[in-house]
Protein backbone atom coordinates (compact mmCIF):
# COMPACT_ATOMS: atom_id res chain seq x y z
CA UNK A 1 107.84 88.70 111.80
CA UNK A 2 110.13 91.68 112.42
CA UNK A 3 109.55 94.90 110.65
CA UNK A 4 112.31 95.98 108.19
CA UNK A 5 113.47 99.34 109.39
CA UNK A 6 114.46 100.38 105.88
CA UNK A 7 110.90 100.62 104.77
CA UNK A 8 108.52 103.25 106.45
CA UNK A 9 104.80 102.57 106.39
CA UNK A 10 102.59 105.64 107.16
CA UNK A 11 98.91 106.25 107.31
CA UNK A 12 97.44 107.90 104.29
CA UNK A 13 96.03 111.18 105.63
CA UNK A 14 95.41 113.85 102.97
CA UNK A 15 94.19 114.55 99.42
CA UNK A 16 97.69 114.33 98.16
CA UNK A 17 98.01 110.70 99.42
CA UNK A 18 94.65 109.86 97.80
CA UNK A 19 96.01 111.08 94.38
CA UNK A 20 99.06 108.86 94.81
CA UNK A 21 96.96 105.87 96.00
CA UNK A 22 94.62 106.31 92.91
CA UNK A 23 97.64 106.48 90.46
CA UNK A 24 99.31 103.40 92.22
CA UNK A 25 96.08 101.30 91.85
CA UNK A 26 95.75 102.20 88.07
CA UNK A 27 99.44 101.50 87.38
CA UNK A 28 100.03 98.35 89.45
CA UNK A 29 96.64 96.73 89.80
CA UNK A 30 95.27 97.96 86.50
CA UNK A 31 92.03 99.17 88.15
CA UNK A 32 90.17 101.17 85.44
CA UNK A 33 88.64 103.74 87.88
CA UNK A 34 89.20 104.51 91.47
CA UNK A 35 87.11 107.30 92.95
CA UNK A 36 89.49 109.71 94.87
CA UNK A 37 86.57 111.45 96.67
CA UNK A 38 85.40 108.13 98.07
CA UNK A 39 88.96 107.10 99.20
CA UNK A 40 89.37 110.72 100.80
CA UNK A 41 85.98 110.39 102.56
CA UNK A 42 86.98 106.90 103.86
CA UNK A 43 90.21 108.21 105.15
CA UNK A 44 88.70 111.36 106.87
CA UNK A 45 85.82 109.36 108.36
CA UNK A 46 88.13 106.51 109.40
CA UNK A 47 85.90 104.07 107.50
CA UNK A 48 89.05 102.74 105.82
CA UNK A 49 92.62 102.41 107.02
CA UNK A 50 95.09 103.19 104.11
CA UNK A 51 98.81 102.62 104.80
CA UNK A 52 101.39 103.67 102.06
CA UNK A 53 105.07 103.14 101.62
CA UNK A 54 106.58 106.18 99.81
CA UNK A 55 108.69 105.59 96.77
CA UNK A 56 110.96 107.77 94.65
CA UNK A 57 109.98 110.99 93.23
CA UNK A 58 106.84 111.70 95.21
CA UNK A 59 105.27 108.21 94.33
CA UNK A 60 104.35 105.33 96.49
CA UNK A 61 105.72 101.68 96.28
CA UNK A 62 103.11 99.94 98.15
CA UNK A 63 99.57 100.43 99.68
CA UNK A 64 97.16 98.49 101.97
CA UNK A 65 93.52 99.16 102.40
CA UNK A 66 91.57 97.77 105.32
CA UNK A 67 88.43 98.57 107.13
CA UNK A 68 86.73 97.64 110.44
CA UNK A 69 83.89 95.22 110.41
CA UNK A 70 81.68 94.20 113.34
CA UNK A 71 80.49 90.64 114.01
CA UNK A 72 77.83 89.72 116.71
CA UNK A 73 80.01 86.82 117.74
CA UNK A 74 83.52 88.15 117.74
CA UNK A 75 83.10 91.93 117.96
CA UNK A 76 85.14 94.26 115.88
CA UNK A 77 87.49 92.80 113.29
CA UNK A 78 89.69 94.05 110.47
CA UNK A 79 88.97 93.23 106.97
CA UNK A 80 92.04 93.35 104.72
CA UNK A 81 91.03 93.97 101.07
CA UNK A 82 94.33 94.95 99.51
CA UNK A 83 98.05 94.80 100.13
CA UNK A 84 99.79 95.72 96.92
CA UNK A 85 103.49 96.36 96.59
CA UNK A 86 106.25 96.53 94.25
CA UNK A 87 108.25 93.83 96.09
CA UNK A 88 107.57 91.20 98.61
CA UNK A 89 109.34 92.97 101.44
CA UNK A 90 107.22 96.06 101.08
CA UNK A 91 104.12 93.71 101.04
CA UNK A 92 105.21 92.09 104.26
CA UNK A 93 105.92 95.41 105.87
CA UNK A 94 102.44 96.77 104.88
CA UNK A 95 100.68 93.49 106.11
CA UNK A 96 102.64 93.82 109.48
CA UNK A 97 101.64 97.46 109.84
CA UNK A 98 97.82 96.66 109.31
CA UNK A 99 98.13 94.00 111.95
CA UNK A 100 99.97 96.32 114.43
CA UNK A 101 97.35 99.07 113.81
CA UNK A 102 94.61 96.63 114.61
CA UNK A 103 96.36 95.42 117.72
CA UNK A 104 96.76 98.97 118.86
CA UNK A 105 92.97 99.53 118.70
CA UNK A 106 92.34 96.21 120.63
CA UNK A 107 91.32 94.11 117.63
CA UNK A 108 92.30 90.51 117.58
CA UNK A 109 90.64 89.07 114.47
CA UNK A 110 91.76 89.87 110.95
CA UNK A 111 90.02 88.58 107.82
CA UNK A 112 91.58 88.66 104.30
CA UNK A 113 89.34 88.90 101.22
CA UNK A 114 91.62 88.71 98.31
CA UNK A 115 92.70 86.25 95.61
CA UNK A 116 96.35 87.57 95.12
CA UNK A 117 98.52 84.36 95.61
CA UNK A 118 101.43 86.20 96.86
CA UNK A 119 99.41 88.20 99.42
CA UNK A 120 97.66 84.89 100.58
CA UNK A 121 101.21 83.31 100.92
CA UNK A 122 102.42 86.09 103.02
CA UNK A 123 99.29 86.09 105.26
CA UNK A 124 99.69 82.30 105.79
CA UNK A 125 103.29 83.11 106.94
CA UNK A 126 101.78 85.46 109.63
CA UNK A 127 99.53 82.66 110.75
CA UNK A 128 96.24 83.25 108.86
CA UNK A 129 94.19 80.19 108.48
CA UNK A 130 91.94 79.35 105.37
CA UNK A 131 88.52 79.08 106.93
CA UNK A 132 87.14 77.46 103.82
CA UNK A 133 89.41 74.54 104.67
CA UNK A 134 89.51 74.53 108.51
CA UNK A 135 85.93 75.28 109.18
CA UNK A 136 84.21 74.55 105.95
CA UNK A 137 83.12 78.11 105.42
CA UNK A 138 81.80 79.45 102.20
CA UNK A 139 81.74 83.02 101.05
CA UNK A 140 79.23 84.39 98.65
CA UNK A 141 78.94 87.83 96.86
CA UNK A 142 76.24 89.73 95.12
CA UNK A 143 76.85 92.88 93.00
CA UNK A 144 73.84 94.88 92.18
CA UNK A 145 73.92 97.29 89.33
C-alpha cells in the first residue's frame, strides 16, 4: 500500500505529544485513565513507539502504539497494540508507518493484539494472517490486581 502524501505521520517525542495522545485516547477510545508519565517514559526510553498524525488546532487525528518484543525463535518483533484514527485513511497511514519503522530497524515480524474490527480489516489488507486460524494458536491473558 502506498502512503498518502497528504497525511504526515511523525513519531511522538516530547511531553506535549504525550498530553495530546492522552487526550486523544480519552476522547476517541473512551479510556478512563492514561498515565502521561508512563507514556513519556516509554517514549524517552524507546520501550514504545508512538506515531501521531497532527490534526487541526494543536490536536491529533490519529495515534499508533507499538513496542518491541523478543522471541527465542524469531528474534525481535513489533507488537502493535493500537492504531486509532478519526478516519480509515489515517489508520492505514499509521499502520504503514509502523511497518516502515520496523523494517528500518531490521524487523520482519509484526504481531497485532487488538479486537478492533476496522484495524483487523486494515491489517489483513497489508497481509497479516490470523494465527488462531492458520496455526491453531491460542492467546491467554492474566491480569493481576
